[in-house]
Amino acid sequence: KRAPAWLKVEDGKFAIVPEAAATVHRIYRMAIDGKGIGAIVRAFNAEGVPSLAKRDYWYNSYVLKILSNPAVYGEYQPFKGHGWK
């Protein structure tokens, strides 16, 4: 039922949210170009880039979460039930 901010679930399948995916792409491009997390956050907040989180602004830990999230490159880790079985 939950999906990363750049995806949505439609008819039981993941679909890309184009604006959010473009933002994630930009975060990676900026990081590859040598920008640090703080610089990315400052740029996005200064430009008024809509946050993918449920806040009105960008913050360091959320950009770090995106940069370290394996779902960005397509890894899927399903979660079923509780416990260690």
PDB file of N, CA and C in Angstrom:
ATOM      1  N   LYS A   1       0.808  -1.197   0.000  1.00  0.00           N
ATOM      2  CA  LYS A   1       0.000   0.000   0.000  1.00  0.00           C
ATOM      3  C   LYS A   1       0.854   1.265   0.000  1.00  0.00           C
ATOM      4  N   ARG A   2       2.106   1.142   0.436  1.00  0.00           N
ATOM      5  CA  ARG A   2       2.977   2.314   0.471  1.00  0.00           C
ATOM      6  C   ARG A   2       3.965   2.237  -0.669  1.00  0.00           C
ATOM      7  N   ALA A   3       4.298   3.390  -1.184  1.00  0.00           N
ATOM      8  CA  ALA A   3       5.256   3.460  -2.282  1.00  0.00           C
ATOM      9  C   ALA A   3       6.167   4.659  -2.045  1.00  0.00           C
ATOM     10  N   PRO A   4       7.364   4.651  -2.622  1.00  0.00           N
ATOM     11  CA  PRO A   4       8.214   5.839  -2.534  1.00  0.00           C
ATOM     12  C   PRO A   4       7.492   7.044  -3.132  1.00  0.00           C
ATOM     13  N   ALA A   5       7.903   8.226  -2.757  1.00  0.00           N
ATOM     14  CA  ALA A   5       7.220   9.462  -3.147  1.00  0.00           C
ATOM     15  C   ALA A   5       7.159   9.670  -4.657  1.00  0.00           C
ATOM     16  N   TRP A   6       8.050   9.055  -5.407  1.00  0.00           N
ATOM     17  CA  TRP A   6       8.070   9.244  -6.863  1.00  0.00           C
ATOM     18  C   TRP A   6       7.249   8.184  -7.595  1.00  0.00           C
ATOM     19  N   LEU A   7       6.583   7.321  -6.822  1.00  0.00           N
ATOM     20  CA  LEU A   7       5.719   6.291  -7.403  1.00  0.00           C
ATOM     21  C   LEU A   7       4.342   6.354  -6.761  1.00  0.00           C
ATOM     22  N   LYS A   8       3.351   5.875  -7.481  1.00  0.00           N
ATOM     23  CA  LYS A   8       2.014   5.709  -6.920  1.00  0.00           C
ATOM     24  C   LYS A   8       1.519   4.332  -7.336  1.00  0.00           C
ATOM     25  N   VAL A   9       0.533   3.845  -6.629  1.00  0.00           N
ATOM     26  CA  VAL A   9      -0.036   2.543  -6.941  1.00  0.00           C
ATOM     27  C   VAL A   9      -1.348   2.768  -7.679  1.00  0.00           C
ATOM     28  N   GLU A  10      -1.417   2.224  -8.903  1.00  0.00           N
ATOM     29  CA  GLU A  10      -2.626   2.298  -9.713  1.00  0.00           C
ATOM     30  C   GLU A  10      -2.981   0.890 -10.166  1.00  0.00           C
ATOM     31  N   ASP A  11      -4.178   0.462  -9.853  1.00  0.00           N
ATOM     32  CA  ASP A  11      -4.633  -0.877 -10.243  1.00  0.00           C
ATOM     33  C   ASP A  11      -3.665  -1.962  -9.793  1.00  0.00           C
ATOM     34  N   GLY A  12      -3.123  -1.801  -8.601  1.00  0.00           N
ATOM     35  CA  GLY A  12      -2.226  -2.796  -8.044  1.00  0.00           C
ATOM     36  C   GLY A  12      -0.819  -2.784  -8.596  1.00  0.00           C
ATOM     37  N   LYS A  13      -0.481  -1.795  -9.422  1.00  0.00           N
ATOM     38  CA  LYS A  13       0.856  -1.698 -10.007  1.00  0.00           C
ATOM     39  C   LYS A  13       1.450  -0.327  -9.731  1.00  0.00           C
ATOM     40  N   PHE A  14       2.778  -0.289  -9.726  1.00  0.00           N
ATOM     41  CA  PHE A  14       3.451   0.984  -9.538  1.00  0.00           C
ATOM     42  C   PHE A  14       3.399   1.803 -10.817  1.00  0.00           C
ATOM     43  N   ALA A  15       3.189   3.105 -10.654  1.00  0.00           N
ATOM     44  CA  ALA A  15       3.231   4.044 -11.770  1.00  0.00           C
ATOM     45  C   ALA A  15       4.094   5.227 -11.335  1.00  0.00           C
ATOM     46  N   ILE A  16       4.846   5.774 -12.259  1.00  0.00           N
ATOM     47  CA  ILE A  16       5.744   6.891 -11.955  1.00  0.00           C
ATOM     48  C   ILE A  16       4.950   8.184 -11.842  1.00  0.00           C
ATOM     49  N   VAL A  17       5.313   8.992 -10.856  1.00  0.00           N
ATOM     50  CA  VAL A  17       4.800  10.357 -10.727  1.00  0.00           C
ATOM     51  C   VAL A  17       5.848  11.241 -11.404  1.00  0.00           C
ATOM     52  N   PRO A  18       5.590  11.705 -12.634  1.00  0.00           N
ATOM     53  CA  PRO A  18       6.640  12.367 -13.426  1.00  0.00           C
ATOM     54  C   PRO A  18       7.341  13.536 -12.736  1.00  0.00           C
ATOM     55  N   GLU A  19       6.596  14.418 -12.090  1.00  0.00           N
ATOM     56  CA  GLU A  19       7.217  15.578 -11.442  1.00  0.00           C
ATOM     57  C   GLU A  19       8.134  15.145 -10.297  1.00  0.00           C
ATOM     58  N   ALA A  20       7.681  14.180  -9.519  1.00  0.00           N
ATOM     59  CA  ALA A  20       8.477  13.694  -8.390  1.00  0.00           C
ATOM     60  C   ALA A  20       9.705  12.940  -8.889  1.00  0.00           C
ATOM     61  N   ALA A  21       9.544  12.143  -9.939  1.00  0.00           N
ATOM     62  CA  ALA A  21      10.679  11.406 -10.500  1.00  0.00           C
ATOM     63  C   ALA A  21      11.721  12.370 -11.052  1.00  0.00           C
ATOM     64  N   ALA A  22      11.276  13.460 -11.662  1.00  0.00           N
ATOM     65  CA  ALA A  22      12.210  14.472 -12.171  1.00  0.00           C
ATOM     66  C   ALA A  22      12.993  15.107 -11.020  1.00  0.00           C
ATOM     67  N   THR A  23      12.343  15.307  -9.890  1.00  0.00           N
ATOM     68  CA  THR A  23      13.021  15.869  -8.717  1.00  0.00           C
ATOM     69  C   THR A  23      14.070  14.895  -8.192  1.00  0.00           C
ATOM     70  N   VAL A  24      13.725  13.607  -8.121  1.00  0.00           N
ATOM     71  CA  VAL A  24      14.683  12.598  -7.673  1.00  0.00           C
ATOM     72  C   VAL A  24      15.868  12.550  -8.637  1.00  0.00           C
ATOM     73  N   HIS A  25      15.591  12.588  -9.917  1.00  0.00           N
ATOM     74  CA  HIS A  25      16.656  12.600 -10.929  1.00  0.00           C
ATOM     75  C   HIS A  25      17.568  13.805 -10.721  1.00  0.00           C
ATOM     76  N   ARG A  26      16.964  14.947 -10.451  1.00  0.00           N
ATOM     77  CA  ARG A  26      17.764  16.163 -10.225  1.00  0.00           C
ATOM     78  C   ARG A  26      18.631  16.038  -8.976  1.00  0.00           C
ATOM     79  N   ILE A  27      18.108  15.442  -7.927  1.00  0.00           N
ATOM     80  CA  ILE A  27      18.893  15.232  -6.701  1.00  0.00           C
ATOM     81  C   ILE A  27      20.134  14.405  -7.028  1.00  0.00           C
ATOM     82  N   TYR A  28      19.945  13.312  -7.769  1.00  0.00           N
ATOM     83  CA  TYR A  28      21.086  12.468  -8.133  1.00  0.00           C
ATOM     84  C   TYR A  28      22.049  13.207  -9.051  1.00  0.00           C
ATOM     85  N   ARG A  29      21.536  13.962 -10.003  1.00  0.00           N
ATOM     86  CA  ARG A  29      22.400  14.712 -10.919  1.00  0.00           C
ATOM     87  C   ARG A  29      23.240  15.716 -10.130  1.00  0.00           C
ATOM     88  N   MET A  30      22.616  16.426  -9.196  1.00  0.00           N
ATOM     89  CA  MET A  30      23.349  17.398  -8.384  1.00  0.00           C
ATOM     90  C   MET A  30      24.414  16.703  -7.535  1.00  0.00           C
ATOM     91  N   ALA A  31      24.073  15.546  -6.966  1.00  0.00           N
ATOM     92  CA  ALA A  31      25.038  14.805  -6.153  1.00  0.00           C
ATOM     93  C   ALA A  31      26.209  14.319  -7.014  1.00  0.00           C
ATOM     94  N   ILE A  32      25.904  13.818  -8.205  1.00  0.00           N
ATOM     95  CA  ILE A  32      26.958  13.361  -9.121  1.00  0.00           C
ATOM     96  C   ILE A  32      27.858  14.524  -9.519  1.00  0.00           C
ATOM     97  N   ASP A  33      27.264  15.706  -9.662  1.00  0.00           N
ATOM     98  CA  ASP A  33      28.024  16.902 -10.032  1.00  0.00           C
ATOM     99  C   ASP A  33      28.817  17.489  -8.866  1.00  0.00           C
ATOM    100  N   GLY A  34      28.760  16.838  -7.707  1.00  0.00           N
ATOM    101  CA  GLY A  34      29.578  17.253  -6.575  1.00  0.00           C
ATOM    102  C   GLY A  34      28.880  18.098  -5.532  1.00  0.00           C
ATOM    103  N   LYS A  35      27.588  18.304  -5.663  1.00  0.00           N
ATOM    104  CA  LYS A  35      26.846  19.075  -4.652  1.00  0.00           C
ATOM    105  C   LYS A  35      26.603  18.196  -3.437  1.00  0.00           C
ATOM    106  N   GLY A  36      26.758  18.775  -2.281  1.00  0.00           N
ATOM    107  CA  GLY A  36      26.478  18.057  -1.049  1.00  0.00           C
ATOM    108  C   GLY A  36      25.004  18.141  -0.703  1.00  0.00           C
ATOM    109  N   ILE A  37      24.609  17.387   0.287  1.00  0.00           N
ATOM    110  CA  ILE A  37      23.208  17.359   0.702  1.00  0.00           C
ATOM    111  C   ILE A  37      22.733  18.746   1.108  1.00  0.00           C
ATOM    112  N   GLY A  38      23.538  19.446   1.886  1.00  0.00           N
ATOM    113  CA  GLY A  38      23.158  20.790   2.322  1.00  0.00           C
ATOM    114  C   GLY A  38      22.964  21.738   1.153  1.00  0.00           C
ATOM    115  N   ALA A  39      23.821  21.648   0.155  1.00  0.00           N
ATOM    116  CA  ALA A  39      23.703  22.514  -1.026  1.00  0.00           C
ATOM    117  C   ALA A  39      22.440  22.188  -1.814  1.00  0.00           C
ATOM    118  N   ILE A  40      22.110  20.917  -1.914  1.00  0.00           N
ATOM    119  CA  ILE A  40      20.884  20.511  -2.609  1.00  0.00           C
ATOM    120  C   ILE A  40      19.667  21.056  -1.873  1.00  0.00           C
ATOM    121  N   VAL A  41      19.651  20.894  -0.566  1.00  0.00           N
ATOM    122  CA  VAL A  41      18.534  21.378   0.256  1.00  0.00           C
ATOM    123  C   VAL A  41      18.392  22.891   0.123  1.00  0.00           C
ATOM    124  N   ARG A  42      19.487  23.606   0.229  1.00  0.00           N
ATOM    125  CA  ARG A  42      19.435  25.075   0.123  1.00  0.00           C
ATOM    126  C   ARG A  42      18.919  25.507  -1.244  1.00  0.00           C
ATOM    127  N   ALA A  43      19.394  24.848  -2.297  1.00  0.00           N
ATOM    128  CA  ALA A  43      18.952  25.203  -3.653  1.00  0.00           C
ATOM    129  C   ALA A  43      17.460  24.932  -3.822  1.00  0.00           C
ATOM    130  N   PHE A  44      17.008  23.782  -3.387  1.00  0.00           N
ATOM    131  CA  PHE A  44      15.590  23.436  -3.544  1.00  0.00           C
ATOM    132  C   PHE A  44      14.700  24.378  -2.746  1.00  0.00           C
ATOM    133  N   ASN A  45      15.089  24.682  -1.512  1.00  0.00           N
ATOM    134  CA  ASN A  45      14.287  25.595  -0.700  1.00  0.00           C
ATOM    135  C   ASN A  45      14.290  27.006  -1.286  1.00  0.00           C
ATOM    136  N   ALA A  46      15.434  27.463  -1.805  1.00  0.00           N
ATOM    137  CA  ALA A  46      15.516  28.797  -2.405  1.00  0.00           C
ATOM    138  C   ALA A  46      14.670  28.887  -3.675  1.00  0.00           C
ATOM    139  N   GLU A  47      14.629  27.806  -4.441  1.00  0.00           N
ATOM    140  CA  GLU A  47      13.877  27.783  -5.696  1.00  0.00           C
ATOM    141  C   GLU A  47      12.399  27.465  -5.494  1.00  0.00           C
ATOM    142  N   GLY A  48      12.041  27.036  -4.302  1.00  0.00           N
ATOM    143  CA  GLY A  48      10.652  26.670  -4.041  1.00  0.00           C
ATOM    144  C   GLY A  48      10.242  25.338  -4.659  1.00  0.00           C
ATOM    145  N   VAL A  49      11.210  24.437  -4.823  1.00  0.00           N
ATOM    146  CA  VAL A  49      10.906  23.105  -5.358  1.00  0.00           C
ATOM    147  C   VAL A  49      10.003  22.392  -4.350  1.00  0.00           C
ATOM    148  N   PRO A  50       8.845  21.901  -4.793  1.00  0.00           N
ATOM    149  CA  PRO A  50       7.933  21.222  -3.852  1.00  0.00           C
ATOM    150  C   PRO A  50       8.601  19.999  -3.218  1.00  0.00           C
ATOM    151  N   SER A  51       8.462  19.883  -1.912  1.00  0.00           N
ATOM    152  CA  SER A  51       9.034  18.756  -1.185  1.00  0.00           C
ATOM    153  C   SER A  51       8.262  17.485  -1.484  1.00  0.00           C
ATOM    154  N   LEU A  52       8.962  16.365  -1.527  1.00  0.00           N
ATOM    155  CA  LEU A  52       8.316  15.074  -1.718  1.00  0.00           C
ATOM    156  C   LEU A  52       7.821  14.512  -0.386  1.00  0.00           C
ATOM    157  N   ALA A  53       8.290  15.098   0.696  1.00  0.00           N
ATOM    158  CA  ALA A  53       7.854  14.685   2.031  1.00  0.00           C
ATOM    159  C   ALA A  53       6.591  15.464   2.392  1.00  0.00           C
ATOM    160  N   LYS A  54       6.060  15.185   3.529  1.00  0.00           N
ATOM    161  CA  LYS A  54       4.845  15.873   3.963  1.00  0.00           C
ATOM    162  C   LYS A  54       5.189  17.137   4.736  1.00  0.00           C
ATOM    163  N   ARG A  55       6.087  17.908   4.174  1.00  0.00           N
ATOM    164  CA  ARG A  55       6.482  19.193   4.760  1.00  0.00           C
ATOM    165  C   ARG A  55       6.498  20.235   3.655  1.00  0.00           C
ATOM    166  N   ASP A  56       6.564  21.473   4.054  1.00  0.00           N
ATOM    167  CA  ASP A  56       6.573  22.564   3.072  1.00  0.00           C
ATOM    168  C   ASP A  56       7.977  22.942   2.635  1.00  0.00           C
ATOM    169  N   TYR A  57       8.982  22.228   3.101  1.00  0.00           N
ATOM    170  CA  TYR A  57      10.366  22.569   2.798  1.00  0.00           C
ATOM    171  C   TYR A  57      11.206  21.294   2.737  1.00  0.00           C
ATOM    172  N   TRP A  58      12.388  21.422   2.174  1.00  0.00           N
ATOM    173  CA  TRP A  58      13.329  20.307   2.104  1.00  0.00           C
ATOM    174  C   TRP A  58      14.220  20.314   3.342  1.00  0.00           C
ATOM    175  N   TYR A  59      14.675  19.148   3.753  1.00  0.00           N
ATOM    176  CA  TYR A  59      15.592  19.036   4.879  1.00  0.00           C
ATOM    177  C   TYR A  59      16.613  17.937   4.582  1.00  0.00           C
ATOM    178  N   ASN A  60      17.767  18.046   5.222  1.00  0.00           N
ATOM    179  CA  ASN A  60      18.911  17.187   4.920  1.00  0.00           C
ATOM    180  C   ASN A  60      18.604  15.699   4.993  1.00  0.00           C
ATOM    181  N   SER A  61      17.940  15.276   6.051  1.00  0.00           N
ATOM    182  CA  SER A  61      17.746  13.832   6.231  1.00  0.00           C
ATOM    183  C   SER A  61      16.858  13.238   5.146  1.00  0.00           C
ATOM    184  N   TYR A  62      15.953  14.022   4.576  1.00  0.00           N
ATOM    185  CA  TYR A  62      15.095  13.480   3.525  1.00  0.00           C
ATOM    186  C   TYR A  62      15.875  13.316   2.220  1.00  0.00           C
ATOM    187  N   VAL A  63      16.733  14.262   1.910  1.00  0.00           N
ATOM    188  CA  VAL A  63      17.576  14.121   0.717  1.00  0.00           C
ATOM    189  C   VAL A  63      18.506  12.923   0.894  1.00  0.00           C
ATOM    190  N   LEU A  64      19.075  12.758   2.070  1.00  0.00           N
ATOM    191  CA  LEU A  64      19.914  11.590   2.346  1.00  0.00           C
ATOM    192  C   LEU A  64      19.117  10.294   2.178  1.00  0.00           C
ATOM    193  N   LYS A  65      17.885  10.290   2.644  1.00  0.00           N
ATOM    194  CA  LYS A  65      17.037   9.106   2.513  1.00  0.00           C
ATOM    195  C   LYS A  65      16.832   8.759   1.039  1.00  0.00           C
ATOM    196  N   ILE A  66      16.602   9.760   0.202  1.00  0.00           N
ATOM    197  CA  ILE A  66      16.419   9.515  -1.225  1.00  0.00           C
ATOM    198  C   ILE A  66      17.716   8.986  -1.839  1.00  0.00           C
ATOM    199  N   LEU A  67      18.840   9.603  -1.493  1.00  0.00           N
ATOM    200  CA  LEU A  67      20.121   9.188  -2.069  1.00  0.00           C
ATOM    201  C   LEU A  67      20.541   7.786  -1.646  1.00  0.00           C
ATOM    202  N   SER A  68      20.051   7.324  -0.520  1.00  0.00           N
ATOM    203  CA  SER A  68      20.459   6.003  -0.032  1.00  0.00           C
ATOM    204  C   SER A  68      19.364   4.945  -0.186  1.00  0.00           C
ATOM    205  N   ASN A  69      18.273   5.285  -0.841  1.00  0.00           N
ATOM    206  CA  ASN A  69      17.147   4.372  -0.974  1.00  0.00           C
ATOM    207  C   ASN A  69      17.330   3.455  -2.186  1.00  0.00           C
ATOM    208  N   PRO A  70      17.447   2.138  -1.981  1.00  0.00           N
ATOM    209  CA  PRO A  70      17.627   1.222  -3.112  1.00  0.00           C
ATOM    210  C   PRO A  70      16.407   1.139  -4.028  1.00  0.00           C
ATOM    211  N   ALA A  71      15.265   1.633  -3.587  1.00  0.00           N
ATOM    212  CA  ALA A  71      14.087   1.642  -4.454  1.00  0.00           C
ATOM    213  C   ALA A  71      14.289   2.567  -5.650  1.00  0.00           C
ATOM    214  N   VAL A  72      15.218   3.517  -5.541  1.00  0.00           N
ATOM    215  CA  VAL A  72      15.487   4.438  -6.647  1.00  0.00           C
ATOM    216  C   VAL A  72      15.929   3.666  -7.880  1.00  0.00           C
ATOM    217  N   TYR A  73      16.732   2.644  -7.689  1.00  0.00           N
ATOM    218  CA  TYR A  73      17.203   1.873  -8.846  1.00  0.00           C
ATOM    219  C   TYR A  73      16.408   0.578  -9.027  1.00  0.00           C
ATOM    220  N   GLY A  74      15.257   0.489  -8.384  1.00  0.00           N
ATOM    221  CA  GLY A  74      14.330  -0.596  -8.670  1.00  0.00           C
ATOM    222  C   GLY A  74      14.310  -1.767  -7.716  1.00  0.00           C
ATOM    223  N   GLU A  75      15.086  -1.736  -6.642  1.00  0.00           N
ATOM    224  CA  GLU A  75      15.037  -2.841  -5.691  1.00  0.00           C
ATOM    225  C   GLU A  75      13.741  -2.776  -4.909  1.00  0.00           C
ATOM    226  N   TYR A  76      13.099  -3.902  -4.776  1.00  0.00           N
ATOM    227  CA  TYR A  76      11.841  -3.986  -4.043  1.00  0.00           C
ATOM    228  C   TYR A  76      12.000  -4.981  -2.913  1.00  0.00           C
ATOM    229  N   GLN A  77      11.676  -4.559  -1.706  1.00  0.00           N
ATOM    230  CA  GLN A  77      11.780  -5.432  -0.540  1.00  0.00           C
ATOM    231  C   GLN A  77      10.394  -5.544   0.079  1.00  0.00           C
ATOM    232  N   PRO A  78       9.645  -6.600  -0.255  1.00  0.00           N
ATOM    233  CA  PRO A  78       8.305  -6.727   0.313  1.00  0.00           C
ATOM    234  C   PRO A  78       8.360  -7.019   1.802  1.00  0.00           C
ATOM    235  N   PHE A  79       7.340  -6.618   2.486  1.00  0.00           N
ATOM    236  CA  PHE A  79       7.222  -6.880   3.928  1.00  0.00           C
ATOM    237  C   PHE A  79       5.927  -7.628   4.146  1.00  0.00           C
ATOM    238  N   LYS A  80       6.034  -8.781   4.774  1.00  0.00           N
ATOM    239  CA  LYS A  80       4.831  -9.561   5.064  1.00  0.00           C
ATOM    240  C   LYS A  80       4.865  -9.986   6.536  1.00  0.00           C
ATOM    241  N   GLY A  81       3.778  -9.725   7.202  1.00  0.00           N
ATOM    242  CA  GLY A  81       3.622 -10.214   8.556  1.00  0.00           C
ATOM    243  C   GLY A  81       4.551  -9.574   9.567  1.00  0.00           C
ATOM    244  N   HIS A  82       4.594 -10.176  10.733  1.00  0.00           N
ATOM    245  CA  HIS A  82       5.432  -9.692  11.819  1.00  0.00           C
ATOM    246  C   HIS A  82       6.245 -10.870  12.337  1.00  0.00           C
ATOM    247  N   GLY A  83       7.394 -10.577  12.849  1.00  0.00           N
ATOM    248  CA  GLY A  83       8.224 -11.630  13.409  1.00  0.00           C
ATOM    249  C   GLY A  83       9.335 -12.036  12.465  1.00  0.00           C
ATOM    250  N   TRP A  84      10.015 -13.116  12.816  1.00  0.00           N
ATOM    251  CA  TRP A  84      11.224 -13.531  12.095  1.00  0.00           C
ATOM    252  C   TRP A  84      11.014 -14.775  11.253  1.00  0.00           C
ATOM    253  N   LYS A  85       9.826 -15.207  11.016  1.00  0.00           N
ATOM    254  CA  LYS A  85       9.590 -16.448  10.284  1.00  0.00           C
ATOM    255  C   LYS A  85       9.784 -16.283   8.813  1.00  0.00           C
TER     256      LYS A  85
END
